[in-house]
Amino acid sequence: MSGTDHSSRLRGFLSMLPVIGLALIPRLTCVCQIPAYAGLIGSMGLAFLLESVYQLPLTAGFLTLAVGGLAIRARQRRGYSPVFLGTVAALVLLIGKFAYASQPAVYAGIVLLVAASLWNSWPVPAKPKLRFTPEGRVERSG
């Protein structure tokens, strides 16, 4: 396994963290969490993000980045099945969070997205390469 394979897998894993973080932000119904989130977001100068108008586009944008990360070089890894699973997970998460306000659907979407990412980053077994010797024999290399 080369260093670039490891770094691309790490980038793929790190690309899904903003989505998970954004999806886990509660709807600020717990009174004790409101000051903590307001302070954290306000200290970064992003207080306008607390408005519900921005949550759907931000979540959709981050989910698009995560699924796009699954789609990059999908043919060399596990094919397009993890991309399909990630797309389904993103849709379940968006619909569960914004259309139905269903916590189980949001968590199911997160679990499916993590599963798609892990499936995509799982190493593909190396195929043995065949080469011809000068004598005309076939040998395995690798």
C-alpha atoms as a PDB file:
ATOM      1  CA  MET A   1       0.000   0.000   0.000  1.00  0.00           C
ATOM      2  CA  SER A   2       1.531   3.318  -1.045  1.00  0.00           C
ATOM      3  CA  GLY A   3       1.416   6.594   0.832  1.00  0.00           C
ATOM      4  CA  THR A   4      -0.992   8.177  -1.639  1.00  0.00           C
ATOM      5  CA  ASP A   5      -3.545   5.400  -1.098  1.00  0.00           C
ATOM      6  CA  HIS A   6      -3.418   5.980   2.637  1.00  0.00           C
ATOM      7  CA  SER A   7      -3.742   9.763   2.308  1.00  0.00           C
ATOM      8  CA  SER A   8      -6.651   9.492  -0.134  1.00  0.00           C
ATOM      9  CA  ARG A   9      -8.466   7.132   2.256  1.00  0.00           C
ATOM     10  CA  LEU A  10      -7.809   9.527   5.118  1.00  0.00           C
ATOM     11  CA  ARG A  11      -9.144  12.440   3.060  1.00  0.00           C
ATOM     12  CA  GLY A  12     -12.243  10.401   2.206  1.00  0.00           C
ATOM     13  CA  PHE A  13     -12.832   9.661   5.869  1.00  0.00           C
ATOM     14  CA  LEU A  14     -12.248  13.258   6.936  1.00  0.00           C
ATOM     15  CA  SER A  15     -14.611  14.553   4.251  1.00  0.00           C
ATOM     16  CA  MET A  16     -17.582  12.935   5.975  1.00  0.00           C
ATOM     17  CA  LEU A  17     -16.909  14.452   9.422  1.00  0.00           C
ATOM     18  CA  PRO A  18     -18.569  17.844   8.695  1.00  0.00           C
ATOM     19  CA  VAL A  19     -21.716  16.054   7.553  1.00  0.00           C
ATOM     20  CA  ILE A  20     -21.896  13.957  10.680  1.00  0.00           C
ATOM     21  CA  GLY A  21     -21.281  16.995  12.855  1.00  0.00           C
ATOM     22  CA  LEU A  22     -23.916  19.044  11.078  1.00  0.00           C
ATOM     23  CA  ALA A  23     -26.469  16.253  11.218  1.00  0.00           C
ATOM     24  CA  LEU A  24     -25.903  15.679  14.921  1.00  0.00           C
ATOM     25  CA  ILE A  25     -26.574  19.304  15.830  1.00  0.00           C
ATOM     26  CA  PRO A  26     -29.908  19.155  17.593  1.00  0.00           C
ATOM     27  CA  ARG A  27     -32.748  21.480  16.755  1.00  0.00           C
ATOM     28  CA  LEU A  28     -31.773  23.437  19.850  1.00  0.00           C
ATOM     29  CA  THR A  29     -34.736  22.170  21.859  1.00  0.00           C
ATOM     30  CA  CYS A  30     -32.694  21.454  24.972  1.00  0.00           C
ATOM     31  CA  VAL A  31     -32.422  24.658  26.985  1.00  0.00           C
ATOM     32  CA  CYS A  32     -29.031  23.764  28.445  1.00  0.00           C
ATOM     33  CA  GLN A  33     -27.427  23.331  24.994  1.00  0.00           C
ATOM     34  CA  ILE A  34     -28.498  26.655  23.492  1.00  0.00           C
ATOM     35  CA  PRO A  35     -25.809  28.775  25.226  1.00  0.00           C
ATOM     36  CA  ALA A  36     -23.082  26.268  24.356  1.00  0.00           C
ATOM     37  CA  TYR A  37     -23.952  26.172  20.639  1.00  0.00           C
ATOM     38  CA  ALA A  38     -24.570  29.919  20.467  1.00  0.00           C
ATOM     39  CA  GLY A  39     -21.233  30.610  22.121  1.00  0.00           C
ATOM     40  CA  LEU A  40     -19.345  28.194  19.889  1.00  0.00           C
ATOM     41  CA  ILE A  41     -20.869  29.424  16.659  1.00  0.00           C
ATOM     42  CA  GLY A  42     -20.803  33.088  17.735  1.00  0.00           C
ATOM     43  CA  SER A  43     -17.127  32.920  18.677  1.00  0.00           C
ATOM     44  CA  MET A  44     -16.328  31.864  15.126  1.00  0.00           C
ATOM     45  CA  GLY A  45     -18.349  34.757  13.710  1.00  0.00           C
ATOM     46  CA  LEU A  46     -20.953  32.415  12.270  1.00  0.00           C
ATOM     47  CA  ALA A  47     -23.971  33.372  14.378  1.00  0.00           C
ATOM     48  CA  PHE A  48     -26.123  33.797  11.274  1.00  0.00           C
ATOM     49  CA  LEU A  49     -25.890  30.010  10.733  1.00  0.00           C
ATOM     50  CA  LEU A  50     -28.200  29.447  13.693  1.00  0.00           C
ATOM     51  CA  GLU A  51     -31.109  30.611  11.564  1.00  0.00           C
ATOM     52  CA  SER A  52     -33.056  27.702  10.119  1.00  0.00           C
ATOM     53  CA  VAL A  53     -32.960  29.274   6.648  1.00  0.00           C
ATOM     54  CA  TYR A  54     -29.288  28.312   6.295  1.00  0.00           C
ATOM     55  CA  GLN A  55     -29.399  24.810   7.775  1.00  0.00           C
ATOM     56  CA  LEU A  56     -30.933  23.017   4.774  1.00  0.00           C
ATOM     57  CA  PRO A  57     -28.524  24.453   2.160  1.00  0.00           C
ATOM     58  CA  LEU A  58     -25.510  23.896   4.407  1.00  0.00           C
ATOM     59  CA  THR A  59     -26.492  20.327   5.193  1.00  0.00           C
ATOM     60  CA  ALA A  60     -27.203  19.601   1.519  1.00  0.00           C
ATOM     61  CA  GLY A  61     -23.874  21.148   0.521  1.00  0.00           C
ATOM     62  CA  PHE A  62     -21.870  19.129   3.019  1.00  0.00           C
ATOM     63  CA  LEU A  63     -23.709  15.943   2.067  1.00  0.00           C
ATOM     64  CA  THR A  64     -22.919  16.660  -1.586  1.00  0.00           C
ATOM     65  CA  LEU A  65     -19.238  16.987  -0.681  1.00  0.00           C
ATOM     66  CA  ALA A  66     -19.317  13.695   1.229  1.00  0.00           C
ATOM     67  CA  VAL A  67     -21.037  11.766  -1.569  1.00  0.00           C
ATOM     68  CA  GLY A  68     -18.755  13.450  -4.102  1.00  0.00           C
ATOM     69  CA  GLY A  69     -15.794  12.176  -2.096  1.00  0.00           C
ATOM     70  CA  LEU A  70     -17.200   8.681  -2.442  1.00  0.00           C
ATOM     71  CA  ALA A  71     -17.566   9.155  -6.201  1.00  0.00           C
ATOM     72  CA  ILE A  72     -13.975  10.261  -6.834  1.00  0.00           C
ATOM     73  CA  ARG A  73     -12.056   7.352  -8.369  1.00  0.00           C
ATOM     74  CA  ALA A  74     -14.888   4.980  -7.479  1.00  0.00           C
ATOM     75  CA  ARG A  75     -13.990   2.679 -10.347  1.00  0.00           C
ATOM     76  CA  GLN A  76     -10.519   1.974  -8.881  1.00  0.00           C
ATOM     77  CA  ARG A  77     -11.905   1.206  -5.446  1.00  0.00           C
ATOM     78  CA  ARG A  78     -15.198  -0.578  -4.799  1.00  0.00           C
ATOM     79  CA  GLY A  79     -17.198   0.579  -7.816  1.00  0.00           C
ATOM     80  CA  TYR A  80     -20.320   2.692  -7.673  1.00  0.00           C
ATOM     81  CA  SER A  81     -22.215   0.711  -5.030  1.00  0.00           C
ATOM     82  CA  PRO A  82     -20.822   2.758  -2.085  1.00  0.00           C
ATOM     83  CA  VAL A  83     -21.683   5.942  -3.987  1.00  0.00           C
ATOM     84  CA  PHE A  84     -25.251   4.704  -4.413  1.00  0.00           C
ATOM     85  CA  LEU A  85     -25.463   3.819  -0.711  1.00  0.00           C
ATOM     86  CA  GLY A  86     -24.057   7.244   0.200  1.00  0.00           C
ATOM     87  CA  THR A  87     -26.651   8.944  -2.012  1.00  0.00           C
ATOM     88  CA  VAL A  88     -29.455   6.980  -0.368  1.00  0.00           C
ATOM     89  CA  ALA A  89     -28.009   7.851   3.052  1.00  0.00           C
ATOM     90  CA  ALA A  90     -27.883  11.555   2.170  1.00  0.00           C
ATOM     91  CA  LEU A  91     -31.490  11.503   0.995  1.00  0.00           C
ATOM     92  CA  VAL A  92     -32.646   9.652   4.119  1.00  0.00           C
ATOM     93  CA  LEU A  93     -30.778  12.147   6.270  1.00  0.00           C
ATOM     94  CA  LEU A  94     -32.157  15.221   4.476  1.00  0.00           C
ATOM     95  CA  ILE A  95     -35.732  13.951   4.393  1.00  0.00           C
ATOM     96  CA  GLY A  96     -35.574  12.707   7.979  1.00  0.00           C
ATOM     97  CA  LYS A  97     -34.134  15.963   9.284  1.00  0.00           C
ATOM     98  CA  PHE A  98     -36.027  18.582   7.300  1.00  0.00           C
ATOM     99  CA  ALA A  99     -39.233  17.010   5.943  1.00  0.00           C
ATOM    100  CA  TYR A 100     -40.337  14.730   8.787  1.00  0.00           C
ATOM    101  CA  ALA A 101     -38.131  15.842  11.732  1.00  0.00           C
ATOM    102  CA  SER A 102     -37.526  12.174  12.531  1.00  0.00           C
ATOM    103  CA  GLN A 103     -34.553  11.425  14.771  1.00  0.00           C
ATOM    104  CA  PRO A 104     -34.470   7.695  13.834  1.00  0.00           C
ATOM    105  CA  ALA A 105     -34.308   8.609  10.131  1.00  0.00           C
ATOM    106  CA  VAL A 106     -31.480  11.079  10.772  1.00  0.00           C
ATOM    107  CA  TYR A 107     -29.491   8.501  12.715  1.00  0.00           C
ATOM    108  CA  ALA A 108     -30.199   5.837  10.075  1.00  0.00           C
ATOM    109  CA  GLY A 109     -28.897   8.215   7.408  1.00  0.00           C
ATOM    110  CA  ILE A 110     -25.743   8.857   9.425  1.00  0.00           C
ATOM    111  CA  VAL A 111     -25.155   5.134   9.974  1.00  0.00           C
ATOM    112  CA  LEU A 112     -25.678   4.442   6.258  1.00  0.00           C
ATOM    113  CA  LEU A 113     -23.273   7.246   5.291  1.00  0.00           C
ATOM    114  CA  VAL A 114     -20.594   5.954   7.650  1.00  0.00           C
ATOM    115  CA  ALA A 115     -21.147   2.423   6.309  1.00  0.00           C
ATOM    116  CA  ALA A 116     -20.774   3.666   2.720  1.00  0.00           C
ATOM    117  CA  SER A 117     -17.574   5.481   3.629  1.00  0.00           C
ATOM    118  CA  LEU A 118     -16.108   2.454   5.401  1.00  0.00           C
ATOM    119  CA  TRP A 119     -17.128   0.178   2.514  1.00  0.00           C
ATOM    120  CA  ASN A 120     -15.502   2.559   0.061  1.00  0.00           C
ATOM    121  CA  SER A 121     -12.269   2.833   2.032  1.00  0.00           C
ATOM    122  CA  TRP A 122     -11.883  -0.906   2.689  1.00  0.00           C
ATOM    123  CA  PRO A 123      -8.761  -2.104   0.845  1.00  0.00           C
ATOM    124  CA  VAL A 124      -9.296  -3.954  -2.406  1.00  0.00           C
ATOM    125  CA  PRO A 125      -7.254  -7.170  -2.580  1.00  0.00           C
ATOM    126  CA  ALA A 126      -4.386  -6.834  -5.026  1.00  0.00           C
ATOM    127  CA  LYS A 127      -4.669  -8.985  -8.115  1.00  0.00           C
ATOM    128  CA  PRO A 128      -1.563 -10.996  -8.894  1.00  0.00           C
ATOM    129  CA  LYS A 129       0.188  -9.791 -12.021  1.00  0.00           C
ATOM    130  CA  LEU A 130       1.406 -12.238 -14.612  1.00  0.00           C
ATOM    131  CA  ARG A 131       4.559 -11.719 -16.631  1.00  0.00           C
ATOM    132  CA  PHE A 132       6.320 -13.660 -19.324  1.00  0.00           C
ATOM    133  CA  THR A 133       9.903 -14.767 -18.846  1.00  0.00           C
ATOM    134  CA  PRO A 134      12.380 -14.737 -21.737  1.00  0.00           C
ATOM    135  CA  GLU A 135      11.994 -18.533 -21.906  1.00  0.00           C
ATOM    136  CA  GLY A 136       8.249 -18.168 -22.613  1.00  0.00           C
ATOM    137  CA  ARG A 137       6.956 -19.205 -19.176  1.00  0.00           C
ATOM    138  CA  VAL A 138       4.316 -17.317 -17.258  1.00  0.00           C
ATOM    139  CA  GLU A 139       5.187 -16.243 -13.713  1.00  0.00           C
ATOM    140  CA  ARG A 140       3.255 -14.464 -11.027  1.00  0.00           C
ATOM    141  CA  SER A 141       4.725 -11.254  -9.712  1.00  0.00           C
ATOM    142  CA  GLY A 142       3.296  -9.287  -6.799  1.00  0.00           C
END
